[in-house]
Amino acid sequence: MLTLEVQTHIDASPDKVWSLIGDPTRMGDWSPECRSVTWARGSTTPDRGARFKGHNRNGWRRWTTTGNVVSYDPGRDIAWDVSIGMLAVARWGYRIEPDSDGRGCTVTESFTDKRGGLVKGLGRVARGVSDVETHNRHGMEQTLANVKAAAESANTSA
């Protein structure tokens, strides 16, 4: 099972960074592939068990996934499982580790591929991606760079 982690240091408070990544509906602001996220099945806020729909795009390809928040520790950690119908796809997560002075933090984005053979085959066609490791690592680096830029920009203008 493929697991990836990408980290970046952000010169902004952990609280500021959490305000950007602690709610899955913000992922469309940061991710190069996720275009938007909408709450589903009566969920309206991030918390363990909350459900949402992820609307994604890679080139001309578009698809929707279902997310289920499986870990939620406000200010520190959030993770969700992604599926298409009843088929598991992945677990995505974010973890914040504050600097000792509390003025900056390290953010880790993680991805665990949970696809079986059928979903892997369908994914190559649906996403147009054959090398998931390279593609996702690049996307994770872009996502964290976007979060970093937003957090540090807001931090310096405050």
N, C-alpha and C. Protein backbone atom coordinates (compact mmCIF):
# COMPACT_ATOMS: atom_id res chain seq x y z
N MET A 1 0.84 -1.17 0.00
CA MET A 1 0.00 0.00 0.00
C MET A 1 0.89 1.25 0.00
N LEU A 2 0.71 2.11 -0.97
CA LEU A 2 1.51 3.32 -1.11
C LEU A 2 1.09 4.36 -0.08
N THR A 3 2.07 4.89 0.65
CA THR A 3 1.85 6.00 1.57
C THR A 3 2.87 7.07 1.27
N LEU A 4 2.39 8.31 1.16
CA LEU A 4 3.26 9.46 0.90
C LEU A 4 3.07 10.49 2.00
N GLU A 5 4.15 11.21 2.33
CA GLU A 5 4.07 12.35 3.22
C GLU A 5 4.92 13.47 2.65
N VAL A 6 4.39 14.68 2.70
CA VAL A 6 5.11 15.87 2.27
C VAL A 6 4.98 16.89 3.39
N GLN A 7 6.09 17.55 3.72
CA GLN A 7 6.10 18.53 4.80
C GLN A 7 6.57 19.88 4.30
N THR A 8 6.11 20.92 5.00
CA THR A 8 6.65 22.25 4.79
C THR A 8 6.59 23.02 6.09
N HIS A 9 7.53 23.93 6.27
CA HIS A 9 7.50 24.81 7.43
C HIS A 9 6.78 26.09 7.01
N ILE A 10 5.90 26.58 7.89
CA ILE A 10 5.13 27.79 7.61
C ILE A 10 5.39 28.79 8.72
N ASP A 11 5.77 30.00 8.33
CA ASP A 11 6.00 31.09 9.29
C ASP A 11 4.69 31.79 9.60
N ALA A 12 3.80 31.07 10.24
CA ALA A 12 2.51 31.60 10.69
C ALA A 12 2.08 30.73 11.87
N SER A 13 1.19 31.26 12.68
CA SER A 13 0.76 30.52 13.87
C SER A 13 0.02 29.25 13.47
N PRO A 14 0.13 28.22 14.30
CA PRO A 14 -0.64 27.00 14.03
C PRO A 14 -2.13 27.28 13.90
N ASP A 15 -2.66 28.21 14.69
CA ASP A 15 -4.09 28.55 14.59
C ASP A 15 -4.43 29.11 13.21
N LYS A 16 -3.58 29.97 12.69
CA LYS A 16 -3.82 30.54 11.36
C LYS A 16 -3.79 29.44 10.30
N VAL A 17 -2.82 28.56 10.39
CA VAL A 17 -2.72 27.47 9.43
C VAL A 17 -3.92 26.54 9.55
N TRP A 18 -4.34 26.24 10.78
CA TRP A 18 -5.51 25.38 10.98
C TRP A 18 -6.74 25.99 10.33
N SER A 19 -6.87 27.32 10.39
CA SER A 19 -8.03 27.97 9.78
C SER A 19 -8.08 27.74 8.27
N LEU A 20 -6.95 27.40 7.68
CA LEU A 20 -6.87 27.17 6.24
C LEU A 20 -7.06 25.69 5.88
N ILE A 21 -6.59 24.77 6.72
CA ILE A 21 -6.62 23.35 6.35
C ILE A 21 -7.53 22.48 7.20
N GLY A 22 -8.11 23.02 8.27
CA GLY A 22 -8.90 22.22 9.19
C GLY A 22 -10.33 21.96 8.73
N ASP A 23 -10.67 22.45 7.56
CA ASP A 23 -12.03 22.29 7.02
C ASP A 23 -11.89 21.78 5.59
N PRO A 24 -12.33 20.55 5.31
CA PRO A 24 -12.17 20.01 3.96
C PRO A 24 -12.79 20.87 2.85
N THR A 25 -13.79 21.68 3.19
CA THR A 25 -14.42 22.50 2.14
C THR A 25 -13.48 23.59 1.64
N ARG A 26 -12.33 23.79 2.27
CA ARG A 26 -11.33 24.75 1.80
C ARG A 26 -10.34 24.14 0.80
N MET A 27 -10.37 22.82 0.61
CA MET A 27 -9.36 22.15 -0.23
C MET A 27 -9.35 22.67 -1.67
N GLY A 28 -10.48 23.08 -2.18
CA GLY A 28 -10.51 23.64 -3.53
C GLY A 28 -9.69 24.92 -3.65
N ASP A 29 -9.43 25.59 -2.52
CA ASP A 29 -8.60 26.80 -2.52
C ASP A 29 -7.12 26.48 -2.67
N TRP A 30 -6.71 25.28 -2.29
CA TRP A 30 -5.28 24.96 -2.21
C TRP A 30 -4.82 23.90 -3.19
N SER A 31 -5.65 22.92 -3.47
CA SER A 31 -5.25 21.76 -4.26
C SER A 31 -5.30 22.03 -5.76
N PRO A 32 -4.32 21.52 -6.52
CA PRO A 32 -4.37 21.68 -7.97
C PRO A 32 -5.39 20.75 -8.64
N GLU A 33 -5.89 19.75 -7.93
CA GLU A 33 -6.81 18.79 -8.53
C GLU A 33 -8.23 18.91 -7.97
N CYS A 34 -8.35 19.17 -6.69
CA CYS A 34 -9.67 19.35 -6.08
C CYS A 34 -10.18 20.74 -6.44
N ARG A 35 -11.35 20.79 -7.05
CA ARG A 35 -11.93 22.08 -7.44
C ARG A 35 -12.84 22.66 -6.38
N SER A 36 -13.59 21.79 -5.70
CA SER A 36 -14.47 22.25 -4.63
C SER A 36 -14.89 21.06 -3.79
N VAL A 37 -15.38 21.38 -2.59
CA VAL A 37 -15.88 20.37 -1.66
C VAL A 37 -17.18 20.90 -1.08
N THR A 38 -18.19 20.04 -1.05
CA THR A 38 -19.49 20.41 -0.49
C THR A 38 -19.89 19.38 0.56
N TRP A 39 -20.49 19.86 1.64
CA TRP A 39 -20.96 18.95 2.69
C TRP A 39 -22.06 18.05 2.15
N ALA A 40 -22.15 16.85 2.71
CA ALA A 40 -23.13 15.86 2.25
C ALA A 40 -23.78 15.17 3.44
N ARG A 41 -24.93 14.58 3.19
CA ARG A 41 -25.64 13.75 4.17
C ARG A 41 -25.85 14.46 5.50
N GLY A 42 -26.23 15.73 5.45
CA GLY A 42 -26.54 16.48 6.66
C GLY A 42 -25.35 17.07 7.39
N SER A 43 -24.14 16.81 6.94
CA SER A 43 -22.95 17.39 7.58
C SER A 43 -22.84 18.86 7.20
N THR A 44 -22.40 19.67 8.16
CA THR A 44 -22.23 21.11 7.90
C THR A 44 -20.92 21.66 8.44
N THR A 45 -20.22 20.87 9.24
CA THR A 45 -18.94 21.30 9.80
C THR A 45 -18.01 20.11 9.90
N PRO A 46 -16.70 20.40 9.94
CA PRO A 46 -15.76 19.29 10.07
C PRO A 46 -15.81 18.69 11.46
N ASP A 47 -15.89 17.41 11.53
CA ASP A 47 -15.86 16.65 12.77
C ASP A 47 -15.79 15.18 12.38
N ARG A 48 -15.40 14.34 13.30
CA ARG A 48 -15.34 12.91 13.01
C ARG A 48 -16.71 12.44 12.54
N GLY A 49 -16.75 11.73 11.42
CA GLY A 49 -17.99 11.21 10.86
C GLY A 49 -18.65 12.13 9.85
N ALA A 50 -18.18 13.37 9.73
CA ALA A 50 -18.75 14.29 8.73
C ALA A 50 -18.50 13.76 7.33
N ARG A 51 -19.46 13.97 6.43
CA ARG A 51 -19.37 13.48 5.05
C ARG A 51 -19.37 14.66 4.09
N PHE A 52 -18.66 14.49 2.97
CA PHE A 52 -18.62 15.54 1.96
C PHE A 52 -18.38 14.95 0.60
N LYS A 53 -18.64 15.76 -0.42
CA LYS A 53 -18.37 15.40 -1.81
C LYS A 53 -17.20 16.24 -2.30
N GLY A 54 -16.21 15.57 -2.89
CA GLY A 54 -15.07 16.26 -3.49
C GLY A 54 -15.24 16.28 -5.00
N HIS A 55 -15.17 17.46 -5.58
CA HIS A 55 -15.33 17.65 -7.02
C HIS A 55 -13.94 17.94 -7.59
N ASN A 56 -13.46 17.03 -8.43
CA ASN A 56 -12.06 17.04 -8.86
C ASN A 56 -11.93 17.15 -10.37
N ARG A 57 -10.73 17.63 -10.76
CA ARG A 57 -10.47 17.77 -12.19
C ARG A 57 -8.97 17.62 -12.46
N ASN A 58 -8.67 16.89 -13.51
CA ASN A 58 -7.30 16.77 -14.01
C ASN A 58 -7.39 16.91 -15.52
N GLY A 59 -6.98 18.07 -16.04
CA GLY A 59 -7.15 18.32 -17.48
C GLY A 59 -8.63 18.35 -17.81
N TRP A 60 -9.04 17.59 -18.80
CA TRP A 60 -10.45 17.54 -19.19
C TRP A 60 -11.25 16.54 -18.38
N ARG A 61 -10.55 15.73 -17.57
CA ARG A 61 -11.23 14.70 -16.78
C ARG A 61 -11.79 15.29 -15.49
N ARG A 62 -13.03 14.89 -15.16
CA ARG A 62 -13.69 15.35 -13.93
C ARG A 62 -14.32 14.15 -13.23
N TRP A 63 -14.32 14.17 -11.91
CA TRP A 63 -14.95 13.11 -11.15
C TRP A 63 -15.29 13.63 -9.75
N THR A 64 -16.20 12.91 -9.10
CA THR A 64 -16.63 13.26 -7.75
C THR A 64 -16.38 12.08 -6.83
N THR A 65 -15.89 12.38 -5.64
CA THR A 65 -15.65 11.36 -4.63
C THR A 65 -16.45 11.70 -3.37
N THR A 66 -16.56 10.72 -2.49
CA THR A 66 -17.18 10.94 -1.19
C THR A 66 -16.09 10.87 -0.13
N GLY A 67 -16.09 11.85 0.77
CA GLY A 67 -15.14 11.87 1.87
C GLY A 67 -15.84 11.64 3.19
N ASN A 68 -15.14 10.99 4.11
CA ASN A 68 -15.66 10.74 5.45
C ASN A 68 -14.54 11.07 6.44
N VAL A 69 -14.76 12.09 7.28
CA VAL A 69 -13.73 12.50 8.24
C VAL A 69 -13.56 11.38 9.28
N VAL A 70 -12.34 10.86 9.39
CA VAL A 70 -12.05 9.74 10.29
C VAL A 70 -11.19 10.15 11.48
N SER A 71 -10.56 11.31 11.40
CA SER A 71 -9.75 11.82 12.50
C SER A 71 -9.92 13.33 12.53
N TYR A 72 -10.18 13.86 13.73
CA TYR A 72 -10.37 15.30 13.84
C TYR A 72 -9.96 15.74 15.24
N ASP A 73 -8.83 16.41 15.32
CA ASP A 73 -8.30 16.97 16.56
C ASP A 73 -8.04 18.45 16.26
N PRO A 74 -9.01 19.32 16.55
CA PRO A 74 -8.91 20.73 16.15
C PRO A 74 -7.57 21.36 16.50
N GLY A 75 -7.00 22.03 15.50
CA GLY A 75 -5.72 22.70 15.66
C GLY A 75 -4.51 21.81 15.42
N ARG A 76 -4.74 20.50 15.28
CA ARG A 76 -3.61 19.59 15.16
C ARG A 76 -3.68 18.62 14.00
N ASP A 77 -4.86 18.00 13.78
CA ASP A 77 -4.91 16.87 12.86
C ASP A 77 -6.31 16.71 12.28
N ILE A 78 -6.34 16.44 10.98
CA ILE A 78 -7.59 16.05 10.32
C ILE A 78 -7.23 15.02 9.25
N ALA A 79 -8.09 14.02 9.09
CA ALA A 79 -7.90 13.02 8.04
C ALA A 79 -9.26 12.54 7.59
N TRP A 80 -9.33 12.16 6.31
CA TRP A 80 -10.58 11.64 5.78
C TRP A 80 -10.31 10.52 4.79
N ASP A 81 -11.24 9.57 4.78
CA ASP A 81 -11.21 8.50 3.80
C ASP A 81 -12.02 8.93 2.60
N VAL A 82 -11.54 8.56 1.42
CA VAL A 82 -12.20 8.90 0.17
C VAL A 82 -12.63 7.62 -0.52
N SER A 83 -13.84 7.66 -1.06
CA SER A 83 -14.35 6.50 -1.80
C SER A 83 -15.11 6.98 -3.03
N ILE A 84 -15.30 6.05 -3.93
CA ILE A 84 -16.20 6.26 -5.07
C ILE A 84 -17.22 5.14 -4.95
N GLY A 85 -18.45 5.53 -4.62
CA GLY A 85 -19.46 4.52 -4.31
C GLY A 85 -19.01 3.76 -3.08
N MET A 86 -19.01 2.46 -3.16
CA MET A 86 -18.59 1.62 -2.03
C MET A 86 -17.11 1.25 -2.12
N LEU A 87 -16.40 1.77 -3.11
CA LEU A 87 -15.01 1.38 -3.34
C LEU A 87 -14.04 2.36 -2.69
N ALA A 88 -13.17 1.86 -1.81
CA ALA A 88 -12.17 2.68 -1.13
C ALA A 88 -11.16 3.21 -2.14
N VAL A 89 -10.77 4.45 -1.94
CA VAL A 89 -9.78 5.08 -2.82
C VAL A 89 -8.52 5.45 -2.03
N ALA A 90 -8.68 6.25 -0.97
CA ALA A 90 -7.49 6.77 -0.29
C ALA A 90 -7.85 7.33 1.08
N ARG A 91 -6.81 7.60 1.86
CA ARG A 91 -6.93 8.41 3.06
C ARG A 91 -6.00 9.61 2.88
N TRP A 92 -6.55 10.80 3.10
CA TRP A 92 -5.80 12.05 3.04
C TRP A 92 -5.79 12.66 4.43
N GLY A 93 -4.70 13.31 4.80
CA GLY A 93 -4.66 13.93 6.12
C GLY A 93 -3.67 15.07 6.19
N TYR A 94 -3.86 15.89 7.23
CA TYR A 94 -2.99 17.02 7.53
C TYR A 94 -2.70 17.02 9.02
N ARG A 95 -1.44 17.26 9.36
CA ARG A 95 -1.01 17.32 10.74
C ARG A 95 -0.18 18.58 10.94
N ILE A 96 -0.43 19.30 12.03
CA ILE A 96 0.30 20.53 12.35
C ILE A 96 1.15 20.28 13.59
N GLU A 97 2.44 20.61 13.49
CA GLU A 97 3.34 20.51 14.64
C GLU A 97 3.89 21.91 14.91
N PRO A 98 3.47 22.54 16.03
CA PRO A 98 3.91 23.90 16.33
C PRO A 98 5.40 23.97 16.63
N ASP A 99 6.02 25.10 16.25
CA ASP A 99 7.39 25.37 16.68
C ASP A 99 7.38 25.60 18.19
N SER A 100 8.53 25.50 18.81
CA SER A 100 8.60 25.68 20.26
C SER A 100 8.14 27.07 20.70
N ASP A 101 8.31 28.08 19.84
CA ASP A 101 7.88 29.44 20.20
C ASP A 101 6.42 29.72 19.82
N GLY A 102 5.76 28.77 19.13
CA GLY A 102 4.35 28.93 18.78
C GLY A 102 4.08 29.89 17.65
N ARG A 103 5.12 30.47 17.06
CA ARG A 103 4.91 31.45 15.99
C ARG A 103 4.96 30.85 14.59
N GLY A 104 5.40 29.64 14.46
CA GLY A 104 5.45 28.94 13.19
C GLY A 104 5.09 27.48 13.41
N CYS A 105 5.06 26.72 12.33
CA CYS A 105 4.71 25.31 12.47
C CYS A 105 5.17 24.53 11.24
N THR A 106 5.20 23.23 11.40
CA THR A 106 5.45 22.33 10.29
C THR A 106 4.14 21.61 9.98
N VAL A 107 3.79 21.61 8.70
CA VAL A 107 2.56 20.95 8.27
C VAL A 107 2.95 19.74 7.43
N THR A 108 2.32 18.61 7.73
CA THR A 108 2.54 17.38 6.98
C THR A 108 1.23 17.00 6.31
N GLU A 109 1.30 16.82 5.00
CA GLU A 109 0.15 16.27 4.27
C GLU A 109 0.47 14.81 3.99
N SER A 110 -0.51 13.94 4.20
CA SER A 110 -0.29 12.51 3.98
C SER A 110 -1.34 11.95 3.04
N PHE A 111 -0.94 10.92 2.33
CA PHE A 111 -1.81 10.20 1.39
C PHE A 111 -1.52 8.72 1.54
N THR A 112 -2.57 7.92 1.70
CA THR A 112 -2.44 6.47 1.69
C THR A 112 -3.38 5.94 0.62
N ASP A 113 -2.83 5.24 -0.33
CA ASP A 113 -3.60 4.64 -1.43
C ASP A 113 -4.30 3.40 -0.91
N LYS A 114 -5.63 3.39 -0.99
CA LYS A 114 -6.41 2.25 -0.49
C LYS A 114 -7.12 1.51 -1.62
N ARG A 115 -6.75 1.81 -2.86
CA ARG A 115 -7.45 1.23 -4.00
C ARG A 115 -7.08 -0.23 -4.20
N GLY A 116 -8.08 -1.01 -4.54
CA GLY A 116 -7.85 -2.38 -4.98
C GLY A 116 -7.55 -2.36 -6.48
N GLY A 117 -7.34 -3.51 -7.05
CA GLY A 117 -6.98 -3.62 -8.47
C GLY A 117 -8.00 -3.00 -9.41
N LEU A 118 -9.29 -3.22 -9.17
CA LEU A 118 -10.33 -2.67 -10.02
C LEU A 118 -10.31 -1.15 -10.01
N VAL A 119 -10.24 -0.55 -8.81
CA VAL A 119 -10.25 0.91 -8.69
C VAL A 119 -8.96 1.50 -9.27
N LYS A 120 -7.85 0.80 -9.13
CA LYS A 120 -6.60 1.28 -9.74
C LYS A 120 -6.74 1.36 -11.26
N GLY A 121 -7.33 0.34 -11.85
CA GLY A 121 -7.53 0.33 -13.29
C GLY A 121 -8.48 1.42 -13.74
N LEU A 122 -9.59 1.57 -13.02
CA LEU A 122 -10.55 2.63 -13.34
C LEU A 122 -9.93 4.01 -13.13
N GLY A 123 -9.10 4.14 -12.10
CA GLY A 123 -8.47 5.42 -11.78
C GLY A 123 -7.55 5.91 -12.88
N ARG A 124 -6.83 4.98 -13.54
CA ARG A 124 -5.95 5.39 -14.64
C ARG A 124 -6.75 6.06 -15.74
N VAL A 125 -7.94 5.53 -16.00
CA VAL A 125 -8.79 6.10 -17.05
C VAL A 125 -9.47 7.37 -16.53
N ALA A 126 -10.06 7.31 -15.34
CA ALA A 126 -10.83 8.44 -14.82
C ALA A 126 -9.97 9.66 -14.56
N ARG A 127 -8.78 9.47 -13.99
CA ARG A 127 -7.90 10.59 -13.66
C ARG A 127 -6.87 10.88 -14.74
N GLY A 128 -6.61 9.91 -15.59
CA GLY A 128 -5.56 10.09 -16.59
C GLY A 128 -4.17 10.05 -15.97
N VAL A 129 -4.02 9.29 -14.89
CA VAL A 129 -2.74 9.24 -14.16
C VAL A 129 -2.30 7.79 -14.04
N SER A 130 -1.11 7.49 -14.56
CA SER A 130 -0.59 6.14 -14.41
C SER A 130 0.43 6.05 -13.27
N ASP A 131 1.15 7.14 -13.00
CA ASP A 131 2.14 7.17 -11.92
C ASP A 131 1.56 7.98 -10.76
N VAL A 132 0.77 7.32 -9.92
CA VAL A 132 0.07 7.99 -8.81
C VAL A 132 1.07 8.59 -7.84
N GLU A 133 2.15 7.91 -7.55
CA GLU A 133 3.12 8.41 -6.58
C GLU A 133 3.69 9.76 -7.00
N THR A 134 4.18 9.86 -8.22
CA THR A 134 4.76 11.11 -8.70
C THR A 134 3.69 12.19 -8.82
N HIS A 135 2.55 11.84 -9.38
CA HIS A 135 1.46 12.81 -9.57
C HIS A 135 0.99 13.37 -8.22
N ASN A 136 0.72 12.48 -7.26
CA ASN A 136 0.21 12.95 -5.98
C ASN A 136 1.27 13.72 -5.19
N ARG A 137 2.52 13.27 -5.24
CA ARG A 137 3.57 14.01 -4.53
C ARG A 137 3.66 15.44 -5.07
N HIS A 138 3.62 15.59 -6.37
CA HIS A 138 3.67 16.92 -6.97
C HIS A 138 2.46 17.75 -6.53
N GLY A 139 1.28 17.15 -6.54
CA GLY A 139 0.07 17.85 -6.11
C GLY A 139 0.12 18.24 -4.64
N MET A 140 0.65 17.37 -3.81
CA MET A 140 0.78 17.65 -2.38
C MET A 140 1.76 18.80 -2.16
N GLU A 141 2.87 18.81 -2.90
CA GLU A 141 3.83 19.92 -2.79
C GLU A 141 3.18 21.24 -3.19
N GLN A 142 2.38 21.22 -4.27
CA GLN A 142 1.68 22.43 -4.70
C GLN A 142 0.66 22.87 -3.66
N THR A 143 -0.09 21.92 -3.10
CA THR A 143 -1.09 22.24 -2.09
C THR A 143 -0.44 22.92 -0.90
N LEU A 144 0.63 22.34 -0.38
CA LEU A 144 1.29 22.93 0.79
C LEU A 144 1.93 24.27 0.46
N ALA A 145 2.45 24.43 -0.75
CA ALA A 145 2.99 25.74 -1.15
C ALA A 145 1.89 26.79 -1.17
N ASN A 146 0.70 26.42 -1.64
CA ASN A 146 -0.42 27.36 -1.66
C ASN A 146 -0.88 27.72 -0.25
N VAL A 147 -0.94 26.74 0.64
CA VAL A 147 -1.31 27.00 2.04
C VAL A 147 -0.27 27.91 2.68
N LYS A 148 1.00 27.60 2.45
CA LYS A 148 2.10 28.40 3.01
C LYS A 148 2.01 29.85 2.54
N ALA A 149 1.81 30.05 1.25
CA ALA A 149 1.72 31.41 0.71
C ALA A 149 0.55 32.17 1.33
N ALA A 150 -0.59 31.51 1.45
CA ALA A 150 -1.77 32.17 2.03
C ALA A 150 -1.55 32.49 3.51
N ALA A 151 -1.01 31.55 4.26
CA ALA A 151 -0.80 31.75 5.70
C ALA A 151 0.23 32.83 5.95
N GLU A 152 1.33 32.79 5.21
CA GLU A 152 2.39 33.77 5.44
C GLU A 152 1.99 35.15 4.93
N SER A 153 1.23 35.22 3.86
CA SER A 153 0.76 36.51 3.36
C SER A 153 -0.21 37.14 4.37
N ALA A 154 -1.11 36.34 4.87
CA ALA A 154 -2.08 36.85 5.86
C ALA A 154 -1.34 37.21 7.15
N ASN A 155 -0.27 36.48 7.46
CA ASN A 155 0.48 36.72 8.67
C ASN A 155 1.22 38.06 8.60
N THR A 156 1.80 38.39 7.43
CA THR A 156 2.56 39.62 7.32
C THR A 156 1.66 40.83 7.17
N SER A 157 0.45 40.67 6.67
CA SER A 157 -0.43 41.81 6.48
C SER A 157 -1.25 42.10 7.74
N ALA A 158 -1.17 41.24 8.73
CA ALA A 158 -1.96 41.44 9.95
C ALA A 158 -1.28 42.40 10.90
